[in-house]
Protein backbone atom coordinates (compact mmCIF):
# COMPACT_ATOMS: atom_id res chain seq x y z
CA UNK A 1 -4.53 25.02 -36.00
CA UNK A 2 -2.73 26.20 -32.85
CA UNK A 3 -1.59 29.82 -32.64
CA UNK A 4 2.08 30.65 -33.08
CA UNK A 5 3.70 32.12 -29.99
CA UNK A 6 7.23 33.37 -29.29
CA UNK A 7 8.56 32.61 -25.80
CA UNK A 8 11.68 34.62 -24.92
CA UNK A 9 14.10 32.35 -23.08
CA UNK A 10 15.18 34.05 -19.89
CA UNK A 11 18.41 32.04 -19.86
CA UNK A 12 19.66 34.76 -22.25
CA UNK A 13 18.46 37.65 -20.11
CA UNK A 14 20.71 39.92 -18.06
CA UNK A 15 20.03 38.69 -14.52
CA UNK A 16 21.65 41.78 -13.02
CA UNK A 17 18.53 43.68 -14.16
CA UNK A 18 15.99 40.89 -14.31
CA UNK A 19 12.93 43.01 -13.54
CA UNK A 20 13.80 45.34 -16.41
CA UNK A 21 14.34 42.41 -18.76
CA UNK A 22 10.96 40.94 -17.85
CA UNK A 23 9.29 44.28 -18.51
CA UNK A 24 11.10 44.56 -21.84
CA UNK A 25 9.74 41.15 -22.90
CA UNK A 26 6.21 42.20 -21.98
CA UNK A 27 6.60 45.54 -23.76
CA UNK A 28 7.77 43.70 -26.89
CA UNK A 29 4.52 41.72 -26.93
CA UNK A 30 5.56 38.39 -25.44
CA UNK A 31 2.57 36.49 -24.07
CA UNK A 32 4.71 33.82 -22.39
CA UNK A 33 8.24 33.48 -21.07
CA UNK A 34 10.44 30.41 -20.97
CA UNK A 35 12.48 29.47 -17.88
CA UNK A 36 15.26 26.87 -18.09
CA UNK A 37 15.98 24.98 -14.87
CA UNK A 38 19.15 22.84 -14.91
CA UNK A 39 20.35 20.68 -12.05
CA UNK A 40 24.01 20.14 -13.03
CA UNK A 41 23.33 16.41 -13.32
CA UNK A 42 20.83 15.72 -16.08
CA UNK A 43 22.60 18.43 -18.10
CA UNK A 44 26.12 19.86 -17.59
CA UNK A 45 25.01 23.22 -16.28
CA UNK A 46 23.40 24.64 -13.15
CA UNK A 47 20.94 27.51 -13.33
CA UNK A 48 18.19 28.45 -10.92
CA UNK A 49 15.63 27.23 -8.42
CA UNK A 50 12.08 28.05 -7.31
CA UNK A 51 13.11 31.23 -5.47
CA UNK A 52 14.17 32.82 -8.77
CA UNK A 53 10.89 31.85 -10.42
CA UNK A 54 9.12 33.43 -7.44
CA UNK A 55 11.10 36.63 -8.03
CA UNK A 56 10.17 36.54 -11.71
CA UNK A 57 6.50 36.11 -10.88
CA UNK A 58 6.68 39.17 -8.68
CA UNK A 59 7.63 41.28 -11.70
CA UNK A 60 5.75 39.49 -14.47
CA UNK A 61 2.10 38.81 -15.20
CA UNK A 62 2.73 36.68 -18.28
CA UNK A 63 2.62 32.90 -18.63
CA UNK A 64 5.72 31.26 -17.15
CA UNK A 65 6.73 28.12 -19.03
CA UNK A 66 9.22 26.22 -16.86
CA UNK A 67 11.46 23.58 -18.41
CA UNK A 68 12.89 21.18 -15.84
CA UNK A 69 16.16 19.73 -17.16
CA UNK A 70 16.53 17.61 -14.05
CA UNK A 71 17.17 13.98 -13.17
CA UNK A 72 14.21 13.96 -10.75
CA UNK A 73 11.79 16.58 -12.14
CA UNK A 74 8.64 15.29 -10.49
CA UNK A 75 10.23 15.71 -7.08
CA UNK A 76 10.37 19.47 -7.64
CA UNK A 77 7.22 20.06 -9.71
CA UNK A 78 5.07 21.19 -6.79
CA UNK A 79 7.73 23.63 -5.58
CA UNK A 80 7.90 25.29 -8.98
CA UNK A 81 4.12 25.39 -9.25
CA UNK A 82 3.81 26.96 -5.80
CA UNK A 83 5.95 29.93 -6.86
CA UNK A 84 3.97 30.66 -10.02
CA UNK A 85 4.92 28.29 -12.83
CA UNK A 86 2.02 28.00 -15.28
CA UNK A 87 3.42 25.10 -17.32
CA UNK A 88 5.99 22.52 -16.27
CA UNK A 89 7.84 20.46 -18.87
CA UNK A 90 9.74 17.32 -17.93
CA UNK A 91 12.14 15.23 -20.01
CA UNK A 92 11.09 11.79 -21.16
CA UNK A 93 14.72 10.66 -20.85
CA UNK A 94 14.74 11.52 -17.15
CA UNK A 95 11.43 9.82 -16.33
CA UNK A 96 11.41 6.76 -18.58
CA UNK A 97 8.40 4.91 -20.02
CA UNK A 98 7.51 2.84 -16.96
CA UNK A 99 7.07 5.86 -14.71
CA UNK A 100 5.66 8.22 -17.33
CA UNK A 101 1.94 7.87 -16.59
CA UNK A 102 2.58 8.48 -12.91
CA UNK A 103 4.86 11.44 -13.63
CA UNK A 104 2.33 13.13 -15.91
CA UNK A 105 -0.39 12.65 -13.32
CA UNK A 106 1.83 14.09 -10.58
CA UNK A 107 2.65 17.25 -12.55
CA UNK A 108 -0.98 17.63 -13.58
CA UNK A 109 -2.04 17.35 -9.93
CA UNK A 110 -0.08 20.51 -9.13
CA UNK A 111 -2.46 22.46 -11.36
CA UNK A 112 0.19 23.29 -13.95
CA UNK A 113 -0.03 22.50 -17.63
CA UNK A 114 2.14 19.51 -18.50
CA UNK A 115 4.79 19.24 -21.20
CA UNK A 116 7.10 16.49 -22.38
CA UNK A 117 10.57 17.41 -23.67
CA UNK A 118 12.72 15.40 -26.08
CA UNK A 119 16.46 15.56 -26.61
CA UNK A 120 17.59 15.74 -30.26
CA UNK A 121 18.30 12.00 -30.52
CA UNK A 122 15.05 10.82 -28.94
CA UNK A 123 12.42 9.41 -31.32
CA UNK A 124 9.07 10.91 -30.26
CA UNK A 125 7.04 8.20 -32.00
CA UNK A 126 8.01 5.86 -29.17
CA UNK A 127 6.21 8.25 -26.82
CA UNK A 128 3.10 8.98 -28.86
CA UNK A 129 0.97 6.88 -26.50
CA UNK A 130 1.49 9.49 -23.77
CA UNK A 131 0.87 12.62 -25.82
CA UNK A 132 -2.90 12.68 -25.46
CA UNK A 133 -2.34 13.21 -21.72
CA UNK A 134 -0.22 16.37 -21.99
CA UNK A 135 -0.66 19.99 -23.06
CA UNK A 136 2.52 20.39 -25.08
CA UNK A 137 5.60 18.62 -26.35
CA UNK A 138 8.97 20.30 -26.78
CA UNK A 139 11.73 19.30 -29.13
CA UNK A 140 15.26 20.32 -28.27
CA UNK A 141 17.02 21.36 -31.46
CA UNK A 142 20.29 21.68 -29.57
CA UNK A 143 21.78 19.43 -26.91
CA UNK A 144 20.45 20.87 -23.65
CA UNK A 145 22.69 22.63 -21.19
CA UNK A 146 23.87 25.87 -22.74
CA UNK A 147 22.40 28.68 -24.83
CA UNK A 148 23.75 29.96 -28.12
CA UNK A 149 24.21 26.57 -29.83
CA UNK A 150 23.58 25.83 -33.50
CA UNK A 151 20.27 24.41 -34.69
CA UNK A 152 20.20 20.62 -35.34
CA UNK A 153 18.15 20.10 -38.53
CA UNK A 154 17.85 16.35 -38.04
CA UNK A 155 15.07 17.02 -35.52
CA UNK A 156 12.78 18.43 -38.21
CA UNK A 157 11.28 15.07 -39.31
CA UNK A 158 10.31 14.41 -35.68
CA UNK A 159 8.40 17.71 -35.64
CA UNK A 160 6.55 16.83 -38.84
CA UNK A 161 5.61 13.33 -37.67
CA UNK A 162 4.27 14.68 -34.40
CA UNK A 163 2.21 17.40 -36.05
CA UNK A 164 0.72 14.87 -38.47
CA UNK A 165 -0.28 12.62 -35.57
CA UNK A 166 -1.48 15.42 -33.23
CA UNK A 167 -2.88 18.33 -35.26
CA UNK A 168 -4.14 20.26 -32.20
CA UNK A 169 -1.18 19.74 -29.85
CA UNK A 170 1.12 22.63 -28.95
CA UNK A 171 4.55 21.75 -30.36
CA UNK A 172 7.38 23.78 -28.89
CA UNK A 173 10.94 24.13 -30.20
CA UNK A 174 13.92 25.15 -28.10
CA UNK A 175 17.42 25.72 -29.42
CA UNK A 176 19.11 27.65 -32.18
CA UNK A 177 16.00 29.50 -33.28
CA UNK A 178 16.51 32.72 -35.24
CA UNK A 179 15.16 34.46 -38.34
CA UNK A 180 16.61 31.71 -40.54
CA UNK A 181 15.46 28.64 -38.62
CA UNK A 182 12.09 29.83 -37.30
CA UNK A 183 10.38 29.61 -40.73
CA UNK A 184 11.68 26.05 -41.09
CA UNK A 185 10.17 24.73 -37.87
CA UNK A 186 6.91 26.64 -38.37
CA UNK A 187 6.64 25.00 -41.79
CA UNK A 188 7.17 21.65 -40.04
CA UNK A 189 4.27 22.39 -37.70
CA UNK A 190 5.85 23.94 -34.60
CA UNK A 191 3.79 26.72 -33.02
CA UNK A 192 5.67 27.58 -29.82
CA UNK A 193 9.09 29.12 -30.43
CA UNK A 194 11.57 29.45 -27.57
CA UNK A 195 14.02 32.18 -28.54
CA UNK A 196 17.04 33.14 -26.48
CA UNK A 197 20.02 34.86 -28.06
CA UNK A 198 18.20 35.76 -31.27
CA UNK A 199 15.47 37.60 -29.38
CA UNK A 200 17.57 39.37 -26.77
CA UNK A 201 20.15 40.53 -29.34
CA UNK A 202 17.60 41.71 -31.90
CA UNK A 203 17.46 45.46 -32.39
CA UNK A 204 13.65 45.47 -32.70
CA UNK A 205 12.26 42.89 -30.33
CA UNK A 206 8.62 43.82 -30.87
CA UNK A 207 9.03 43.42 -34.62
CA UNK A 208 10.80 40.07 -34.07
CA UNK A 209 7.77 38.73 -32.18
CA UNK A 210 5.28 40.22 -34.63
CA UNK A 211 7.13 38.74 -37.60
CA UNK A 212 7.44 35.25 -36.14
CA UNK A 213 3.85 35.10 -34.92
CA UNK A 214 2.56 36.19 -38.33
CA UNK A 215 4.02 33.14 -40.07
CA UNK A 216 1.58 30.53 -41.32
CA UNK A 217 1.78 27.16 -39.63
CA UNK A 218 2.71 24.34 -41.96
CA UNK A 219 3.57 26.66 -44.86
CA UNK A 220 6.97 27.28 -46.37
């Protein structure tokens, strides 16, 4: 079964001291970091561009997992790869089924790992035919756009169905994850845990990562 990994979400970091925050994540034991890119169109928020990811890469040796919440993600995939993105995740709702094969191939051609993201209301079973082409899938357990939202439990059956169909696939969860909800999604089969507010506000961040990554996949 895939290893469990906590990915601190840099959307919750203090950008006035970004280099220090990146070092803190590494010191806490994070093996990968999550970067949310929002275009102000696909979601109602605007965050950052490739130049910020480049700055992050200059102060971070860990895996950078970049989530493109954009109307035209493929158009920018190469730019984000060029500045150091290791994995690039695009939304199925933005691409659509007709263009999906081409979009996956385009992101893969940059040399990055490829992920598909799903909004809470999107049924992943309709997209199963594409999942053998990608490296990870990510379920949003909040409506994308802003951090600090409450976990949407109705996504949990989607996680379970996907794990049953793809036992080796990395399944990532983003939104409302904390010490109460993490055990639930790990029991459902999720192994990548994007943690924003819960991680950055925790008094013992190293223990938070150690605890979460010690959970047993698929076990309550």
